[in-house]
Each structure stands twice: as structure tokens, then as C-alpha cells.
Amino acid sequence: MHTHQNESAFDVIVVGGSYAGLSAAMQLARARRRVLVIDAGRRRNRHADRSHGFLTQDGAEAAAIAAQGRAQLRAYPNVAWANETAVAARIDGDGFDVALPDGGTVRGRRLILATGVADTLPAVDGLEERWGTSVFHCPYCHGYELDEGAIGVLAAGEASLHQALMLPDWGQVTLLLNGAFEPRQDQLAALARRGVAVERTPVARIEGRADVVLQDGRRLPLAGLFVATRTHIASPLAGQLGCALETGPLGPYVATDAQKASSVPGVFCCGDLARPAGNVALAVADGALAGIAAHRSLIPELAVLA
């Protein structure tokens, strides 16, 4: 897609066409607004075969949910789609200009950012290639399928304590400290009450499905391994626009109000970009909120209701 500033503006540009962005765009499409979705096709959960815990889609292929959402959205004639990466965004008068890689610029009256976050895994041999298949971050998404087997939590900081205390509902848990932090005495007592074993020997590598090989040669066969990844905001656009950030236990995210409005008027943010942690169901809900709020912001007469 190659357009220019002098072409008529879209009502809303949605940057990011995964679950949150699709959901936001759907609300606007059904409100008969002109919508452009810009998406480069790199979902955060692209490594996961299946999605769980999303009503009516439990166990469905993660890619299939996204593909079905795209197909349904693009059936609306007032929706345009750009298979691109938005490289820059700026405020221009009463709207926003979004730059594309080919040098073209698209203009929208409102902007919804659903660009997500990227995960940084601990530097452990064998971990990254198992991400999404036997190494996970969300017990609600993947814990049930481990059939109450042996589960490891690879510590990446104190956020891992939260995982270790939750996961005994899904299996027998070992917290692998791996030098990331040392629990306090009250935290150790809480882990003991939950039946969590604490392993202090550093991890050498991951083998097999999710077997942990320790540096002393011991092997811990596991059904699955959980890790609280560090996250960073995947796109520079929110920073370029000056959106205020908050810091969660895993990393920074964009601060929004209950209607997913950012600190920058006319910019709404949703999905993993705008919450400390999330899943598909929460992303879809966030997107619906953002899409509805963006639509309402386009109707100045609604101000009489305030």
C-alpha cells in the first residue's frame, strides 16, 4: 500500500492485526467507519500450536483463530488492510500520520495501537526452540494439558515466584532458581505450604520435551516448563507519540484508562501493549473496548452526556 497525506483520511487506523487489533477493528467496521489495519503478521503466540481458555475456541489452532478473524473482518467493504510494518507515527493537527516502509503515509482521525510486546527468554541452552510447545508463560493457557505431571518453573526474577505458587493446581512443581533470585524465608515457607520443591543448582540445558539437565549432571524429567519472560514493547510508535508508560512485573506497558485511551488524546491502546499480562480472551475484550471508545470519540455530540 502506498498512499499520501493528501488522500482522504481513515476514521481510524489500527496498527497491529492480531487478536486485540482485529477485535477493535471489528467494532469500527460494524459502526460503518472507514478503517485501515496495518499488520506485519507476527503474532506474539505464533510459536504456540493451540490456544486454550478462549470461549468457543478452546483447543483451536492459534493461527486459525487469527485467520478466521482476519477473514471475517476483511469481508466488510469499509475495511482496508496493509500487510506492512508501521515504522513511525506522529500527531498532525487533528489527526495522525503513520509512515509505512515504502515511504508512503496514511492518515487517520484516530489511532489504535495493538502492537503487542516481545518476549526475552533467559539464556538457557534449549529453551528458545521449545517456546510455545513445551516451554510456556501462562498456566491458564497451557497448564491443564500437562495432565498433573511434573512441572518446572525456571526463575527469571521474583515474578517467577507468582508462577511457582500458582502452578501446584496443575501438577507437581519444582522452582529452579538458576541464580535469578533467592526467596525470603516467608516466601520459602509459602512455597513449602504449596508443596513446591526448590532447586538451587544452576540449569545447564533443556533436552527432550522439557527435561532439565542441571550443572551437576542430574536430569529432571518434566511434562512442561514455565518461565516468566521479560517483555519489551515491540513497536516504537507509542514512544514516538509520547504515550505514558507503566512498569509491570514483566516489563513496561502503555498506561490506559478503563476505555483503553492512552495519555495522548485520540490514541487508544489495547492487548498486551496495554496490560501487564494477558491472553487471547483478554486481548479480544481489550480490543472491543478500544474500538468502541475510538468510535464514540468520533461523535462530538456525545459530549452533552458527560
Protein backbone atom coordinates (compact mmCIF):
# COMPACT_ATOMS: atom_id res chain seq x y z
CA MET A 1 0.00 0.00 0.00
CA HIS A 2 1.33 3.42 -0.96
CA THR A 3 -0.80 6.42 -0.04
CA HIS A 4 -0.13 10.03 0.76
CA GLN A 5 -1.23 12.65 3.25
CA ASN A 6 -3.42 14.46 0.76
CA GLU A 7 -5.65 11.43 0.31
CA SER A 8 -8.78 11.29 2.44
CA ALA A 9 -8.12 10.13 5.96
CA PHE A 10 -9.38 6.93 7.51
CA ASP A 11 -11.63 7.34 10.51
CA VAL A 12 -9.37 5.01 12.48
CA ILE A 13 -6.04 3.34 11.78
CA VAL A 14 -5.44 0.16 13.75
CA VAL A 15 -1.78 -0.79 13.98
CA GLY A 16 -1.46 -4.49 14.78
CA GLY A 17 -3.83 -7.12 13.38
CA SER A 18 -3.64 -9.87 15.97
CA TYR A 19 -6.48 -10.66 18.38
CA ALA A 20 -6.76 -7.22 20.02
CA GLY A 21 -6.41 -5.25 16.80
CA LEU A 22 -8.88 -7.46 14.95
CA SER A 23 -11.41 -7.08 17.74
CA ALA A 24 -11.01 -3.29 17.79
CA ALA A 25 -11.36 -3.04 14.03
CA MET A 26 -14.48 -5.23 14.06
CA GLN A 27 -16.35 -2.79 16.31
CA LEU A 28 -15.45 0.08 13.99
CA ALA A 29 -16.27 -1.85 10.84
CA ARG A 30 -19.71 -2.61 12.18
CA ALA A 31 -20.14 1.09 13.00
CA ARG A 32 -19.61 1.69 9.26
CA ARG A 33 -16.44 3.70 9.80
CA ARG A 34 -13.52 3.65 7.38
CA VAL A 35 -10.83 1.52 8.99
CA LEU A 36 -7.29 0.62 7.98
CA VAL A 37 -5.49 -2.25 9.69
CA ILE A 38 -1.71 -2.33 9.37
CA ASP A 39 -0.22 -5.69 10.30
CA ALA A 40 3.03 -7.46 9.53
CA GLY A 41 1.79 -10.90 10.60
CA ARG A 42 3.96 -11.60 13.67
CA ARG A 43 1.59 -12.67 16.44
CA ARG A 44 3.15 -13.00 19.89
CA ASN A 45 1.78 -16.55 20.20
CA ARG A 46 2.90 -17.62 16.70
CA HIS A 47 5.02 -20.40 18.26
CA ALA A 48 2.05 -22.00 20.03
CA ASP A 49 0.12 -24.65 18.11
CA ARG A 50 -3.05 -24.42 20.17
CA SER A 51 -4.96 -21.76 22.06
CA HIS A 52 -6.80 -22.67 25.25
CA GLY A 53 -9.23 -20.93 27.56
CA PHE A 54 -10.92 -18.74 24.93
CA LEU A 55 -14.65 -19.45 24.98
CA THR A 56 -15.86 -21.42 21.90
CA GLN A 57 -12.25 -21.76 20.68
CA ASP A 58 -10.71 -23.94 23.40
CA GLY A 59 -8.05 -26.13 21.80
CA ALA A 60 -8.28 -24.46 18.39
CA GLU A 61 -5.16 -23.70 16.40
CA ALA A 62 -3.92 -20.27 17.42
CA ALA A 63 -3.18 -19.35 13.81
CA ALA A 64 -6.65 -20.50 12.72
CA ILE A 65 -8.37 -18.18 15.20
CA ALA A 66 -6.40 -15.23 13.85
CA ALA A 67 -7.01 -16.26 10.22
CA GLN A 68 -10.75 -16.61 10.79
CA GLY A 69 -10.82 -13.21 12.47
CA ARG A 70 -8.99 -11.61 9.54
CA ALA A 71 -11.34 -13.20 7.01
CA GLN A 72 -14.44 -12.07 8.86
CA LEU A 73 -13.13 -8.54 9.28
CA ARG A 74 -11.98 -8.13 5.71
CA ALA A 75 -15.44 -9.09 4.45
CA TYR A 76 -16.57 -5.60 5.49
CA PRO A 77 -16.23 -3.26 2.49
CA ASN A 78 -15.21 -0.30 4.67
CA VAL A 79 -12.08 -2.10 5.95
CA ALA A 80 -8.70 -1.77 4.23
CA TRP A 81 -5.69 -3.93 5.07
CA ALA A 82 -1.96 -3.30 4.71
CA ASN A 83 0.47 -6.20 5.13
CA GLU A 84 3.12 -3.84 6.41
CA THR A 85 5.01 -2.70 9.49
CA ALA A 86 4.14 0.81 10.60
CA VAL A 87 7.54 2.43 11.06
CA ALA A 88 6.57 5.80 12.53
CA ALA A 89 3.61 7.80 13.75
CA ARG A 90 3.13 11.46 14.54
CA ILE A 91 0.38 13.86 15.52
CA ASP A 92 -0.59 16.19 12.69
CA GLY A 93 -3.29 18.70 13.52
CA ASP A 94 -6.48 16.88 14.42
CA GLY A 95 -5.24 13.51 13.17
CA PHE A 96 -2.30 11.15 12.89
CA ASP A 97 0.13 10.30 10.13
CA VAL A 98 1.52 6.77 10.04
CA ALA A 99 4.57 6.05 7.89
CA LEU A 100 4.99 2.78 6.00
CA PRO A 101 8.26 1.14 4.89
CA ASP A 102 7.83 2.15 1.24
CA GLY A 103 7.81 5.82 2.17
CA GLY A 104 4.05 6.18 1.91
CA THR A 105 1.99 7.78 4.65
CA VAL A 106 -1.54 7.03 5.76
CA ARG A 107 -3.69 9.39 7.79
CA GLY A 108 -6.30 8.63 10.42
CA ARG A 109 -8.51 10.73 12.64
CA ARG A 110 -7.94 8.27 15.48
CA LEU A 111 -5.22 5.71 16.14
CA ILE A 112 -5.48 2.35 17.89
CA LEU A 113 -2.20 0.69 18.78
CA ALA A 114 -2.34 -3.07 19.24
CA THR A 115 1.32 -3.74 18.51
CA GLY A 116 1.97 -6.05 21.45
CA VAL A 117 5.15 -6.93 23.27
CA ALA A 118 8.13 -9.16 22.55
CA ASP A 119 9.45 -11.79 24.94
CA THR A 120 13.04 -12.14 26.12
CA LEU A 121 13.84 -15.60 27.45
CA PRO A 122 16.61 -16.46 29.91
CA ALA A 123 19.81 -17.53 28.18
CA VAL A 124 19.50 -21.29 28.73
CA ASP A 125 20.53 -23.73 26.02
CA GLY A 126 17.50 -25.48 24.51
CA LEU A 127 14.91 -23.08 25.93
CA GLU A 128 14.06 -20.86 22.97
CA GLU A 129 13.38 -23.64 20.46
CA ARG A 130 10.80 -25.16 22.86
CA TRP A 131 8.99 -21.85 23.45
CA GLY A 132 5.28 -22.35 22.84
CA THR A 133 5.44 -26.14 22.59
CA SER A 134 6.77 -27.31 25.97
CA VAL A 135 8.01 -24.04 27.47
CA PHE A 136 5.22 -21.63 28.41
CA HIS A 137 4.41 -18.49 30.36
CA CYS A 138 0.64 -18.81 31.05
CA PRO A 139 -0.70 -21.68 33.18
CA TYR A 140 -4.29 -20.89 32.22
CA CYS A 141 -3.36 -21.34 28.56
CA HIS A 142 -1.25 -24.48 28.84
CA GLY A 143 -1.33 -25.95 32.36
CA TYR A 144 -4.30 -28.32 32.01
CA GLU A 145 -2.75 -30.22 29.10
CA LEU A 146 0.22 -31.25 31.30
CA ASP A 147 -2.09 -33.82 32.96
CA GLU A 148 -0.96 -33.06 36.53
CA GLY A 149 2.58 -34.12 35.67
CA ALA A 150 5.92 -32.74 36.81
CA ILE A 151 6.22 -29.03 36.10
CA GLY A 152 9.27 -26.80 36.30
CA VAL A 153 9.39 -23.05 36.85
CA LEU A 154 12.62 -21.56 35.54
CA ALA A 155 13.20 -18.45 37.61
CA ALA A 156 13.81 -15.21 35.76
CA GLY A 157 13.30 -12.95 38.77
CA GLU A 158 10.80 -12.52 41.58
CA ALA A 159 7.88 -12.66 39.13
CA SER A 160 8.61 -16.37 38.89
CA LEU A 161 7.50 -16.78 42.49
CA HIS A 162 3.96 -15.99 41.38
CA GLN A 163 4.08 -18.79 38.82
CA ALA A 164 5.54 -21.25 41.29
CA LEU A 165 2.81 -20.56 43.86
CA MET A 166 0.02 -20.89 41.27
CA LEU A 167 1.16 -23.93 39.33
CA PRO A 168 0.62 -26.64 42.01
CA ASP A 169 -3.04 -26.57 40.91
CA TRP A 170 -1.77 -28.09 37.63
CA GLY A 171 0.93 -30.53 38.78
CA GLN A 172 3.98 -31.24 40.94
CA VAL A 173 6.16 -28.14 40.83
CA THR A 174 9.88 -27.54 41.11
CA LEU A 175 11.15 -23.95 41.24
CA LEU A 176 14.54 -23.77 39.53
CA LEU A 177 16.20 -20.67 40.98
CA ASN A 178 19.10 -20.77 38.50
CA GLY A 179 20.76 -17.87 40.32
CA ALA A 180 17.98 -15.45 39.34
CA PHE A 181 16.96 -14.57 42.91
CA GLU A 182 16.83 -16.02 46.41
CA PRO A 183 13.39 -16.27 48.06
CA ARG A 184 12.90 -14.75 51.52
CA GLN A 185 12.10 -17.03 54.43
CA ASP A 186 8.39 -16.20 54.31
CA GLN A 187 8.38 -16.92 50.59
CA LEU A 188 10.12 -20.25 51.14
CA ALA A 189 7.51 -21.11 53.76
CA ALA A 190 4.72 -20.28 51.30
CA LEU A 191 6.34 -22.47 48.64
CA ALA A 192 6.61 -25.32 51.14
CA ARG A 193 2.92 -24.99 52.04
CA ARG A 194 2.10 -25.35 48.35
CA GLY A 195 4.34 -28.40 48.02
CA VAL A 196 6.83 -26.69 45.71
CA ALA A 197 10.36 -28.10 45.65
CA VAL A 198 13.15 -25.52 45.40
CA GLU A 199 16.24 -26.38 43.32
CA ARG A 200 19.30 -24.14 43.64
CA THR A 201 21.70 -25.99 41.34
CA PRO A 202 22.05 -23.98 38.10
CA VAL A 203 20.48 -25.26 34.88
CA ALA A 204 22.87 -26.45 32.17
CA ARG A 205 20.38 -27.03 29.33
CA ILE A 206 16.95 -28.28 28.31
CA GLU A 207 16.66 -31.57 26.44
CA GLY A 208 13.90 -33.88 25.18
CA ARG A 209 10.43 -32.48 25.61
CA ALA A 210 11.20 -30.33 28.65
CA ASP A 211 13.83 -32.25 30.62
CA VAL A 212 16.04 -30.02 32.73
CA VAL A 213 19.71 -31.04 32.93
CA LEU A 214 21.41 -29.45 35.94
CA GLN A 215 25.06 -28.48 36.07
CA ASP A 216 25.81 -31.35 38.46
CA GLY A 217 24.52 -33.80 35.83
CA ARG A 218 21.15 -34.56 37.37
CA ARG A 219 18.19 -34.71 34.99
CA LEU A 220 14.68 -33.62 35.96
CA PRO A 221 12.11 -35.09 33.52
CA LEU A 222 9.26 -32.60 33.18
CA ALA A 223 5.94 -32.50 31.37
CA GLY A 224 6.41 -28.77 30.83
CA LEU A 225 8.44 -25.78 31.88
CA PHE A 226 7.17 -22.29 32.70
CA VAL A 227 9.18 -19.09 32.58
CA ALA A 228 8.19 -15.51 33.35
CA THR A 229 9.72 -13.81 30.35
CA ARG A 230 10.90 -10.23 30.37
CA THR A 231 8.87 -8.24 27.87
CA HIS A 232 9.52 -5.08 25.92
CA ILE A 233 7.19 -3.01 23.78
CA ALA A 234 7.51 -4.37 20.26
CA SER A 235 6.89 -1.18 18.27
CA PRO A 236 8.34 2.31 18.67
CA LEU A 237 5.04 4.06 17.83
CA ALA A 238 3.70 4.53 21.37
CA GLY A 239 7.02 6.07 22.40
CA GLN A 240 7.14 8.34 19.35
CA LEU A 241 3.68 9.66 20.18
CA GLY A 242 4.57 10.24 23.83
CA CYS A 243 2.17 7.74 25.40
CA ALA A 244 2.73 7.43 29.15
CA LEU A 245 4.03 4.06 30.32
CA GLU A 246 3.66 1.95 33.42
CA THR A 247 6.03 -0.75 34.65
CA GLY A 248 4.65 -4.18 35.43
CA PRO A 249 6.35 -7.24 36.90
CA LEU A 250 7.44 -8.40 33.42
CA GLY A 251 8.24 -5.07 31.78
CA PRO A 252 6.80 -1.75 30.59
CA TYR A 253 3.36 -1.31 29.04
CA VAL A 254 1.25 1.65 27.91
CA ALA A 255 -0.93 3.22 30.59
CA THR A 256 -4.62 3.49 29.62
CA ASP A 257 -7.89 4.37 31.30
CA ALA A 258 -10.82 1.96 31.62
CA GLN A 259 -11.80 2.68 27.99
CA LYS A 260 -8.27 1.95 26.71
CA ALA A 261 -7.48 5.62 25.99
CA SER A 262 -3.79 6.46 26.34
CA SER A 263 -2.42 9.71 27.75
CA VAL A 264 -2.34 11.09 24.19
CA PRO A 265 -5.76 12.31 23.01
CA GLY A 266 -7.04 10.25 20.10
CA VAL A 267 -4.67 7.34 20.71
CA PHE A 268 -6.11 4.14 22.15
CA CYS A 269 -4.01 1.10 23.10
CA CYS A 270 -5.11 -2.48 23.67
CA GLY A 271 -3.92 -6.05 24.07
CA ASP A 272 -0.55 -6.97 25.52
CA LEU A 273 0.77 -3.49 24.70
CA ALA A 274 -1.59 -2.05 27.32
CA ARG A 275 -1.72 -4.53 30.17
CA PRO A 276 0.87 -6.10 32.49
CA ALA A 277 -0.04 -9.62 31.31
CA GLY A 278 -2.72 -11.12 29.12
CA ASN A 279 -4.11 -13.88 26.95
CA VAL A 280 -6.26 -14.19 23.84
CA ALA A 281 -9.57 -13.68 25.64
CA LEU A 282 -8.32 -10.55 27.40
CA ALA A 283 -6.86 -9.20 24.16
CA VAL A 284 -10.18 -9.61 22.37
CA ALA A 285 -12.01 -7.89 25.23
CA ASP A 286 -9.48 -5.03 25.31
CA GLY A 287 -9.80 -4.59 21.57
CA ALA A 288 -13.58 -4.35 21.76
CA LEU A 289 -13.28 -1.65 24.42
CA ALA A 290 -10.74 0.31 22.37
CA GLY A 291 -12.75 0.06 19.17
CA ILE A 292 -15.96 1.23 20.83
CA ALA A 293 -14.18 4.07 22.64
CA ALA A 294 -12.48 5.22 19.44
CA HIS A 295 -15.84 5.23 17.66
CA ARG A 296 -17.53 7.24 20.39
CA SER A 297 -14.68 9.75 20.36
CA LEU A 298 -15.55 10.50 16.73
CA ILE A 299 -19.03 11.72 17.74
CA PRO A 300 -18.56 15.13 19.39
CA GLU A 301 -22.26 15.40 20.22
CA LEU A 302 -21.82 12.67 22.82
CA ALA A 303 -20.12 15.31 24.98
CA VAL A 304 -23.59 16.53 26.07
CA LEU A 305 -23.95 13.27 28.02
CA ALA A 306 -20.94 13.96 30.22
